[in-house]
C-alpha atoms as a PDB file:
ATOM      1  CA  MET A   1      24.297  30.506-112.660  1.00  0.00           C
ATOM      2  CA  SER A   2      23.397  33.939-111.312  1.00  0.00           C
ATOM      3  CA  LEU A   3      21.732  33.146-107.998  1.00  0.00           C
ATOM      4  CA  THR A   4      20.633  36.740-107.474  1.00  0.00           C
ATOM      5  CA  HIS A   5      18.950  36.917-110.898  1.00  0.00           C
ATOM      6  CA  GLY A   6      17.816  33.288-111.105  1.00  0.00           C
ATOM      7  CA  ARG A   7      19.178  32.545-114.559  1.00  0.00           C
ATOM      8  CA  ARG A   8      22.125  30.966-116.348  1.00  0.00           C
ATOM      9  CA  ILE A   9      24.855  33.351-117.498  1.00  0.00           C
ATOM     10  CA  LEU A  10      28.288  33.103-119.098  1.00  0.00           C
ATOM     11  CA  VAL A  11      31.425  34.101-117.183  1.00  0.00           C
ATOM     12  CA  PRO A  12      35.015  34.325-118.456  1.00  0.00           C
ATOM     13  CA  ALA A  13      37.038  31.136-117.997  1.00  0.00           C
ATOM     14  CA  ALA A  14      39.962  33.261-116.787  1.00  0.00           C
ATOM     15  CA  VAL A  15      38.090  34.152-113.583  1.00  0.00           C
ATOM     16  CA  VAL A  16      37.026  30.547-112.936  1.00  0.00           C
ATOM     17  CA  TYR A  17      39.969  28.250-113.672  1.00  0.00           C
ATOM     18  CA  ILE A  18      43.265  28.575-111.816  1.00  0.00           C
ATOM     19  CA  GLY A  19      46.146  28.587-114.286  1.00  0.00           C
ATOM     20  CA  TYR A  20      43.991  29.568-117.276  1.00  0.00           C
ATOM     21  CA  ALA A  21      45.956  32.836-117.366  1.00  0.00           C
ATOM     22  CA  GLU A  22      49.310  33.338-115.709  1.00  0.00           C
ATOM     23  CA  ALA A  23      50.276  36.108-113.300  1.00  0.00           C
ATOM     24  CA  GLY A  24      52.585  38.577-115.030  1.00  0.00           C
ATOM     25  CA  ASP A  25      51.025  38.065-118.457  1.00  0.00           C
ATOM     26  CA  GLU A  26      50.239  41.621-119.563  1.00  0.00           C
ATOM     27  CA  SER A  27      47.603  40.373-122.010  1.00  0.00           C
ATOM     28  CA  SER A  28      45.564  38.776-119.216  1.00  0.00           C
ATOM     29  CA  PHE A  29      42.541  40.727-117.986  1.00  0.00           C
ATOM     30  CA  ALA A  30      41.995  38.424-114.987  1.00  0.00           C
ATOM     31  CA  ILE A  31      44.076  36.020-112.900  1.00  0.00           C
ATOM     32  CA  SER A  32      42.106  33.406-110.972  1.00  0.00           C
ATOM     33  CA  ASP A  33      42.978  32.093-107.505  1.00  0.00           C
ATOM     34  CA  SER A  34      41.376  29.887-104.856  1.00  0.00           C
ATOM     35  CA  ASN A  35      39.409  32.728-103.256  1.00  0.00           C
ATOM     36  CA  GLY A  36      35.719  31.773-103.287  1.00  0.00           C
ATOM     37  CA  CYS A  37      36.214  28.058-103.984  1.00  0.00           C
ATOM     38  CA  ALA A  38      34.951  25.303-101.702  1.00  0.00           C
ATOM     39  CA  ALA A  39      34.097  21.610-101.557  1.00  0.00           C
ATOM     40  CA  ALA A  40      31.449  20.187 -99.235  1.00  0.00           C
ATOM     41  CA  SER A  41      29.071  17.279 -98.794  1.00  0.00           C
ATOM     42  CA  THR A  42      26.298  19.066-100.739  1.00  0.00           C
ATOM     43  CA  TRP A  43      26.203  21.707-103.479  1.00  0.00           C
ATOM     44  CA  GLU A  44      24.402  24.186-101.218  1.00  0.00           C
ATOM     45  CA  GLU A  45      27.007  23.800 -98.474  1.00  0.00           C
ATOM     46  CA  ALA A  46      29.832  24.328-100.968  1.00  0.00           C
ATOM     47  CA  VAL A  47      28.178  27.524-102.250  1.00  0.00           C
ATOM     48  CA  VAL A  48      27.784  28.891 -98.722  1.00  0.00           C
ATOM     49  CA  VAL A  49      31.370  28.124 -97.678  1.00  0.00           C
ATOM     50  CA  ALA A  50      32.747  29.674-100.879  1.00  0.00           C
ATOM     51  CA  PHE A  51      30.602  32.780-100.451  1.00  0.00           C
ATOM     52  CA  LEU A  52      31.580  33.239 -96.806  1.00  0.00           C
ATOM     53  CA  GLU A  53      35.245  33.196 -97.808  1.00  0.00           C
ATOM     54  CA  LEU A  54      34.563  36.103-100.175  1.00  0.00           C
ATOM     55  CA  VAL A  55      32.779  37.945 -97.361  1.00  0.00           C
ATOM     56  CA  GLU A  56      35.752  37.367 -95.046  1.00  0.00           C
ATOM     57  CA  ARG A  57      38.324  38.624 -97.568  1.00  0.00           C
ATOM     58  CA  ASP A  58      36.200  41.676 -98.367  1.00  0.00           C
ATOM     59  CA  ALA A  59      35.878  42.548 -94.659  1.00  0.00           C
ATOM     60  CA  VAL A  60      39.628  42.134 -94.123  1.00  0.00           C
ATOM     61  CA  ALA A  61      40.400  44.327 -97.153  1.00  0.00           C
ATOM     62  CA  LEU A  62      38.138  47.145 -95.947  1.00  0.00           C
ATOM     63  CA  TRP A  63      39.681  46.990 -92.460  1.00  0.00           C
ATOM     64  CA  TRP A  64      43.316  46.563 -93.444  1.00  0.00           C
ATOM     65  CA  MET A  65      43.509  49.093 -96.239  1.00  0.00           C
ATOM     66  CA  GLY A  66      41.186  51.619 -94.631  1.00  0.00           C
ATOM     67  CA  ALA A  67      43.077  51.419 -91.304  1.00  0.00           C
ATOM     68  CA  ASP A  68      39.886  51.730 -89.256  1.00  0.00           C
ATOM     69  CA  ARG A  69      40.195  50.612 -85.642  1.00  0.00           C
ATOM     70  CA  LYS A  70      37.472  48.114 -84.707  1.00  0.00           C
ATOM     71  CA  ARG A  71      35.603  47.207 -81.556  1.00  0.00           C
ATOM     72  CA  PRO A  72      36.828  44.152 -79.627  1.00  0.00           C
ATOM     73  CA  VAL A  73      34.668  41.125 -78.910  1.00  0.00           C
ATOM     74  CA  ASP A  74      34.388  39.639 -75.417  1.00  0.00           C
ATOM     75  CA  VAL A  75      35.415  36.025 -76.075  1.00  0.00           C
ATOM     76  CA  SER A  76      35.355  34.834 -72.460  1.00  0.00           C
ATOM     77  CA  HIS A  77      32.046  33.020 -72.991  1.00  0.00           C
ATOM     78  CA  ILE A  78      32.354  31.710 -76.552  1.00  0.00           C
ATOM     79  CA  ARG A  79      30.070  28.717 -76.991  1.00  0.00           C
ATOM     80  CA  ASP A  80      31.943  25.390 -76.701  1.00  0.00           C
ATOM     81  CA  ALA A  81      35.325  27.108 -76.461  1.00  0.00           C
ATOM     82  CA  SER A  82      35.757  28.543 -72.986  1.00  0.00           C
ATOM     83  CA  ASP A  83      38.842  26.386 -72.319  1.00  0.00           C
ATOM     84  CA  LEU A  84      40.534  27.612 -75.516  1.00  0.00           C
ATOM     85  CA  ALA A  85      39.700  31.226 -74.709  1.00  0.00           C
ATOM     86  CA  HIS A  86      41.147  30.935 -71.197  1.00  0.00           C
ATOM     87  CA  TRP A  87      44.298  29.197 -72.488  1.00  0.00           C
ATOM     88  CA  ILE A  88      44.912  31.935 -75.041  1.00  0.00           C
ATOM     89  CA  GLY A  89      44.285  34.637 -72.448  1.00  0.00           C
ATOM     90  CA  ASP A  90      46.823  33.104 -70.039  1.00  0.00           C
ATOM     91  CA  ARG A  91      49.702  33.156 -72.536  1.00  0.00           C
ATOM     92  CA  PRO A  92      52.392  35.857 -72.570  1.00  0.00           C
ATOM     93  CA  ARG A  93      50.959  37.372 -75.759  1.00  0.00           C
ATOM     94  CA  ARG A  94      48.481  40.168 -76.278  1.00  0.00           C
ATOM     95  CA  PHE A  95      45.262  38.872 -77.807  1.00  0.00           C
ATOM     96  CA  GLU A  96      42.028  40.361 -79.142  1.00  0.00           C
ATOM     97  CA  VAL A  97      39.212  39.512 -81.519  1.00  0.00           C
ATOM     98  CA  LEU A  98      38.064  42.461 -83.657  1.00  0.00           C
ATOM     99  CA  ASP A  99      34.620  42.829 -85.226  1.00  0.00           C
ATOM    100  CA  LEU A 100      35.059  43.413 -88.986  1.00  0.00           C
ATOM    101  CA  THR A 101      31.391  43.004 -89.983  1.00  0.00           C
ATOM    102  CA  THR A 102      30.486  45.099 -93.028  1.00  0.00           C
ATOM    103  CA  ASP A 103      27.303  46.271 -94.722  1.00  0.00           C
ATOM    104  CA  LEU A 104      26.599  42.662 -95.745  1.00  0.00           C
ATOM    105  CA  GLY A 105      25.525  42.005 -92.161  1.00  0.00           C
ATOM    106  CA  ILE A 106      27.356  38.661 -91.957  1.00  0.00           C
ATOM    107  CA  PRO A 107      29.554  38.333 -88.832  1.00  0.00           C
ATOM    108  CA  ALA A 108      33.242  38.674 -89.741  1.00  0.00           C
ATOM    109  CA  TYR A 109      36.173  38.798 -87.320  1.00  0.00           C
ATOM    110  CA  ALA A 110      39.948  39.043 -87.071  1.00  0.00           C
ATOM    111  CA  ALA A 111      41.800  37.379 -84.197  1.00  0.00           C
ATOM    112  CA  VAL A 112      45.086  39.176 -83.450  1.00  0.00           C
ATOM    113  CA  SER A 113      47.971  38.260 -81.165  1.00  0.00           C
ATOM    114  CA  ALA A 114      51.403  39.793 -80.581  1.00  0.00           C
ATOM    115  CA  THR A 115      54.225  39.928 -78.076  1.00  0.00           C
ATOM    116  CA  PRO A 116      53.802  42.319 -75.130  1.00  0.00           C
ATOM    117  CA  GLU A 117      55.800  44.845 -77.200  1.00  0.00           C
ATOM    118  CA  GLY A 118      53.378  44.515 -80.134  1.00  0.00           C
ATOM    119  CA  ARG A 119      55.765  42.565 -82.369  1.00  0.00           C
ATOM    120  CA  ASP A 120      55.556  39.176 -84.160  1.00  0.00           C
ATOM    121  CA  VAL A 121      51.936  39.858 -85.050  1.00  0.00           C
ATOM    122  CA  ALA A 122      49.789  36.859 -85.940  1.00  0.00           C
ATOM    123  CA  PHE A 123      46.220  37.066 -87.097  1.00  0.00           C
ATOM    124  CA  GLY A 124      43.443  34.976 -88.558  1.00  0.00           C
ATOM    125  CA  SER A 125      40.068  35.886 -89.981  1.00  0.00           C
ATOM    126  CA  ALA A 126      36.725  34.262 -90.711  1.00  0.00           C
ATOM    127  CA  ALA A 127      33.100  34.991 -91.561  1.00  0.00           C
ATOM    128  CA  ASN A 128      30.086  32.882 -90.688  1.00  0.00           C
ATOM    129  CA  PHE A 129      26.380  33.356 -90.043  1.00  0.00           C
ATOM    130  CA  ASP A 130      27.084  31.874 -86.595  1.00  0.00           C
ATOM    131  CA  PRO A 131      29.289  34.425 -84.746  1.00  0.00           C
ATOM    132  CA  ALA A 132      30.782  31.865 -82.350  1.00  0.00           C
ATOM    133  CA  SER A 133      31.825  29.607 -85.245  1.00  0.00           C
ATOM    134  CA  ALA A 134      33.401  32.551 -87.070  1.00  0.00           C
ATOM    135  CA  ILE A 135      35.342  33.596 -83.971  1.00  0.00           C
ATOM    136  CA  LEU A 136      36.609  30.050 -83.382  1.00  0.00           C
ATOM    137  CA  SER A 137      37.748  29.786 -86.998  1.00  0.00           C
ATOM    138  CA  ALA A 138      39.548  33.140 -86.781  1.00  0.00           C
ATOM    139  CA  ILE A 139      41.311  32.090 -83.557  1.00  0.00           C
ATOM    140  CA  THR A 140      42.469  28.736 -84.935  1.00  0.00           C
ATOM    141  CA  GLU A 141      43.773  30.441 -88.086  1.00  0.00           C
ATOM    142  CA  MET A 142      45.621  32.933 -85.874  1.00  0.00           C
ATOM    143  CA  LEU A 143      47.260  30.035 -84.018  1.00  0.00           C
ATOM    144  CA  GLN A 144      48.372  28.545 -87.337  1.00  0.00           C
ATOM    145  CA  SER A 145      49.992  31.839 -88.299  1.00  0.00           C
ATOM    146  CA  GLU A 146      51.779  31.892 -84.938  1.00  0.00           C
ATOM    147  CA  ILE A 147      53.356  28.561 -85.885  1.00  0.00           C
ATOM    148  CA  ALA A 148      54.453  29.997 -89.231  1.00  0.00           C
ATOM    149  CA  LEU A 149      56.060  32.941 -87.435  1.00  0.00           C
ATOM    150  CA  ARG A 150      57.832  30.624 -85.023  1.00  0.00           C
ATOM    151  CA  LEU A 151      59.224  28.490 -87.852  1.00  0.00           C
ATOM    152  CA  SER A 152      60.416  31.647 -89.601  1.00  0.00           C
ATOM    153  CA  SER A 153      62.328  32.705 -86.508  1.00  0.00           C
ATOM    154  CA  ILE A 154      64.373  29.493 -86.632  1.00  0.00           C
ATOM    155  CA  GLY A 155      65.171  29.798 -90.324  1.00  0.00           C
ATOM    156  CA  ASP A 156      62.387  27.873 -92.044  1.00  0.00           C
ATOM    157  CA  GLY A 157      60.241  30.838 -93.057  1.00  0.00           C
ATOM    158  CA  ALA A 158      59.180  32.063 -96.458  1.00  0.00           C
ATOM    159  CA  ASN A 159      60.327  35.497 -97.605  1.00  0.00           C
ATOM    160  CA  ASP A 160      56.832  36.972 -97.283  1.00  0.00           C
ATOM    161  CA  ILE A 161      56.607  35.908 -93.638  1.00  0.00           C
ATOM    162  CA  LEU A 162      60.029  37.341 -92.838  1.00  0.00           C
ATOM    163  CA  ARG A 163      59.055  40.594 -94.528  1.00  0.00           C
ATOM    164  CA  TRP A 164      55.790  40.660 -92.554  1.00  0.00           C
ATOM    165  CA  MET A 165      57.697  40.235 -89.280  1.00  0.00           C
ATOM    166  CA  SER A 166      60.003  43.115 -90.176  1.00  0.00           C
ATOM    167  CA  LEU A 167      57.253  45.517 -91.274  1.00  0.00           C
ATOM    168  CA  VAL A 168      54.206  44.814 -89.127  1.00  0.00           C
ATOM    169  CA  SER A 169      53.803  45.781 -85.478  1.00  0.00           C
ATOM    170  CA  PHE A 170      51.255  47.585 -83.337  1.00  0.00           C
ATOM    171  CA  GLU A 171      53.335  50.717 -83.873  1.00  0.00           C
ATOM    172  CA  THR A 172      53.368  50.558 -87.683  1.00  0.00           C
ATOM    173  CA  VAL A 173      49.797  49.211 -87.965  1.00  0.00           C
ATOM    174  CA  PRO A 174      47.789  50.826 -85.138  1.00  0.00           C
ATOM    175  CA  HIS A 175      44.477  49.399 -86.344  1.00  0.00           C
ATOM    176  CA  LEU A 176      45.626  45.939 -85.261  1.00  0.00           C
ATOM    177  CA  GLN A 177      44.501  47.176 -81.839  1.00  0.00           C
ATOM    178  CA  SER A 178      40.872  47.663 -80.893  1.00  0.00           C
ATOM    179  CA  ALA A 179      38.932  50.822 -80.139  1.00  0.00           C
ATOM    180  CA  GLY A 180      35.656  51.187 -78.246  1.00  0.00           C
ATOM    181  CA  PRO A 181      33.838  49.041 -75.683  1.00  0.00           C
ATOM    182  CA  PRO A 182      33.771  45.229 -76.013  1.00  0.00           C
ATOM    183  CA  ILE A 183      30.880  43.561 -77.833  1.00  0.00           C
ATOM    184  CA  ARG A 184      29.167  40.850 -75.779  1.00  0.00           C
ATOM    185  CA  SER A 185      25.643  40.205 -77.066  1.00  0.00           C
ATOM    186  CA  ILE A 186      26.441  38.589 -80.451  1.00  0.00           C
ATOM    187  CA  LEU A 187      27.671  35.259 -79.138  1.00  0.00           C
ATOM    188  CA  ASP A 188      24.157  33.938 -78.517  1.00  0.00           C
ATOM    189  CA  GLU A 189      23.143  34.292 -82.180  1.00  0.00           C
ATOM    190  CA  ARG A 190      22.813  31.201 -84.363  1.00  0.00           C
ATOM    191  CA  GLY A 191      23.171  30.663 -88.092  1.00  0.00           C
ATOM    192  CA  PRO A 192      20.517  29.368 -90.533  1.00  0.00           C
ATOM    193  CA  ALA A 193      19.059  25.952 -89.735  1.00  0.00           C
ATOM    194  CA  THR A 194      19.715  24.397 -93.162  1.00  0.00           C
ATOM    195  CA  ALA A 195      22.125  24.855 -96.057  1.00  0.00           C
ATOM    196  CA  SER A 196      19.238  25.955 -98.275  1.00  0.00           C
ATOM    197  CA  ASP A 197      18.325  28.644 -95.755  1.00  0.00           C
ATOM    198  CA  ALA A 198      21.969  29.741 -95.695  1.00  0.00           C
ATOM    199  CA  VAL A 199      22.044  30.063 -99.498  1.00  0.00           C
ATOM    200  CA  GLU A 200      18.963  32.269 -99.313  1.00  0.00           C
ATOM    201  CA  ARG A 201      20.693  34.423 -96.692  1.00  0.00           C
ATOM    202  CA  CYS A 202      23.706  34.778 -99.004  1.00  0.00           C
ATOM    203  CA  ILE A 203      21.494  35.832-101.904  1.00  0.00           C
ATOM    204  CA  ARG A 204      19.570  38.295 -99.733  1.00  0.00           C
ATOM    205  CA  ALA A 205      22.803  39.865 -98.443  1.00  0.00           C
ATOM    206  CA  CYS A 206      23.970  40.413-102.030  1.00  0.00           C
ATOM    207  CA  ASN A 207      20.630  41.820-103.140  1.00  0.00           C
ATOM    208  CA  ASP A 208      20.570  44.230-100.206  1.00  0.00           C
ATOM    209  CA  ALA A 209      24.072  45.456-101.128  1.00  0.00           C
ATOM    210  CA  ASN A 210      23.245  45.676-104.860  1.00  0.00           C
ATOM    211  CA  LEU A 211      25.720  42.891-105.673  1.00  0.00           C
ATOM    212  CA  ALA A 212      25.394  39.916-108.022  1.00  0.00           C
ATOM    213  CA  MET A 213      26.094  36.410-106.731  1.00  0.00           C
ATOM    214  CA  ILE A 214      27.248  33.879-109.334  1.00  0.00           C
ATOM    215  CA  ALA A 215      27.921  30.192-108.634  1.00  0.00           C
ATOM    216  CA  VAL A 216      29.904  27.936-110.977  1.00  0.00           C
ATOM    217  CA  ASN A 217      29.669  24.167-110.549  1.00  0.00           C
ATOM    218  CA  LEU A 218      33.192  22.716-110.680  1.00  0.00           C
ATOM    219  CA  THR A 219      32.212  19.234-109.468  1.00  0.00           C
ATOM    220  CA  ARG A 220      34.145  16.489-111.242  1.00  0.00           C
ATOM    221  CA  ALA A 221      31.881  13.589-112.194  1.00  0.00           C
ATOM    222  CA  ALA A 222      34.665  11.065-111.587  1.00  0.00           C
ATOM    223  CA  ILE A 223      35.021  12.180-107.968  1.00  0.00           C
ATOM    224  CA  GLY A 224      31.477  13.251-107.154  1.00  0.00           C
ATOM    225  CA  ILE A 225      32.276  15.660-104.310  1.00  0.00           C
ATOM    226  CA  PRO A 226      30.369  18.945-104.829  1.00  0.00           C
ATOM    227  CA  VAL A 227      32.709  21.856-105.620  1.00  0.00           C
ATOM    228  CA  ALA A 228      31.603  25.454-106.110  1.00  0.00           C
ATOM    229  CA  ARG A 229      33.270  28.640-107.186  1.00  0.00           C
ATOM    230  CA  VAL A 230      31.328  31.725-106.173  1.00  0.00           C
ATOM    231  CA  LEU A 231      31.896  35.088-107.856  1.00  0.00           C
ATOM    232  CA  VAL A 232      30.584  38.364-106.448  1.00  0.00           C
ATOM    233  CA  PRO A 233      31.841  41.235-108.631  1.00  0.00           C
ATOM    234  CA  GLY A 234      32.574  44.213-106.412  1.00  0.00           C
ATOM    235  CA  LEU A 235      33.671  42.371-103.279  1.00  0.00           C
ATOM    236  CA  ARG A 236      37.351  43.011-102.583  1.00  0.00           C
ATOM    237  CA  PRO A 237      40.110  40.452-102.144  1.00  0.00           C
ATOM    238  CA  SER A 238      42.636  40.972 -99.370  1.00  0.00           C
ATOM    239  CA  ARG A 239      45.250  41.885-102.000  1.00  0.00           C
ATOM    240  CA  CYS A 240      45.769  45.462-103.171  1.00  0.00           C
ATOM    241  CA  ARG A 241      42.926  46.258-105.582  1.00  0.00           C
ATOM    242  CA  PHE A 242      42.194  49.982-105.616  1.00  0.00           C
ATOM    243  CA  ALA A 243      39.501  50.489-108.270  1.00  0.00           C
ATOM    244  CA  PRO A 244      36.524  52.672-107.243  1.00  0.00           C
ATOM    245  CA  GLY A 245      33.861  50.937-105.200  1.00  0.00           C
ATOM    246  CA  ARG A 246      33.477  49.278-101.820  1.00  0.00           C
ATOM    247  CA  LEU A 247      36.977  50.024-100.554  1.00  0.00           C
ATOM    248  CA  PHE A 248      36.152  53.725-100.591  1.00  0.00           C
ATOM    249  CA  ASP A 249      32.347  53.785-100.311  1.00  0.00           C
ATOM    250  CA  VAL A 250      31.425  51.319 -97.546  1.00  0.00           C
ATOM    251  CA  PRO A 251      33.413  52.944 -94.681  1.00  0.00           C
ATOM    252  CA  THR A 252      31.552  56.240 -95.114  1.00  0.00           C
ATOM    253  CA  LYS A 253      28.235  54.458 -95.717  1.00  0.00           C
ATOM    254  CA  LEU A 254      28.588  52.698 -92.354  1.00  0.00           C
ATOM    255  CA  GLY A 255      29.886  55.770 -90.529  1.00  0.00           C
ATOM    256  CA  TRP A 256      33.349  54.372 -89.879  1.00  0.00           C
ATOM    257  CA  ARG A 257      34.703  57.697 -91.111  1.00  0.00           C
ATOM    258  CA  SER A 258      33.229  61.022 -92.171  1.00  0.00           C
ATOM    259  CA  ARG A 259      34.749  61.197 -95.670  1.00  0.00           C
ATOM    260  CA  ARG A 260      35.985  58.968 -98.439  1.00  0.00           C
ATOM    261  CA  LEU A 261      39.703  58.315 -98.475  1.00  0.00           C
ATOM    262  CA  ALA A 262      41.777  58.894-101.573  1.00  0.00           C
ATOM    263  CA  GLU A 263      43.873  56.006-102.852  1.00  0.00           C
ATOM    264  CA  SER A 264      47.001  57.769-101.590  1.00  0.00           C
ATOM    265  CA  GLU A 265      45.557  57.672 -98.047  1.00  0.00           C
ATOM    266  CA  LEU A 266      45.054  53.906 -97.904  1.00  0.00           C
ATOM    267  CA  HIS A 267      47.280  51.818 -95.649  1.00  0.00           C
ATOM    268  CA  LYS A 268      50.666  51.338 -97.295  1.00  0.00           C
ATOM    269  CA  ILE A 269      51.802  47.985 -95.850  1.00  0.00           C
ATOM    270  CA  PRO A 270      50.387  45.094 -97.914  1.00  0.00           C
ATOM    271  CA  LEU A 271      48.725  42.130 -96.236  1.00  0.00           C
ATOM    272  CA  LEU A 272      51.401  39.450 -96.546  1.00  0.00           C
ATOM    273  CA  LEU A 273      50.535  36.887 -93.881  1.00  0.00           C
END
């Protein structure tokens, strides 16, 4: 179902079902993954959660590959989380939350921590209509990645994590650090009151950005828990996908930089964590 056009449409199975086509198969035109899939107590909630994951990944891709330094967020008064914020601030690690919000207008953030020397970088990201909820989700994901880094240091890490630790630091990736004055006013904002209102906000954000929003119902009748896959052609995953479009156009549209970057100018270190 195209939610932006209000009608049923057909979409390729290869972009819906994980495992329908295998990575490395040169005949495959699309390889599906879990990005944009969600389960929830209602269909509307599942659609919103799946869509917000796409928004988060798109924001991270624009930030990471474009290497734009972002403004920090003052997290000292996050709603319902002041104790967590103080605990994180008292640790012997550098810590910031960066505002990654794009032209979609949906709050998106990255929480970043590192040693005092800028090494062993951990980060988490999230998007939500409620800024405080998004920031909390980004921070908790960052803490999970810290655990993964710690396990890697004692010999239980995956190769990608070990490679990340060897390549990524504040020196090699300067845009992991903030630029500009802290943002304080956003933390009083609230998200939509109902899931139906949130779906309408998702559709409006896509319409405003000239994007299509497609929802596929993957609910299994035998289980009965609503499951949605949301597709928004044009939004970028956090993996390296360099076709023309948002990766090059949005940063200049929003004034993050004065000119479009060429593909050769994009950040060279892939997002592995």
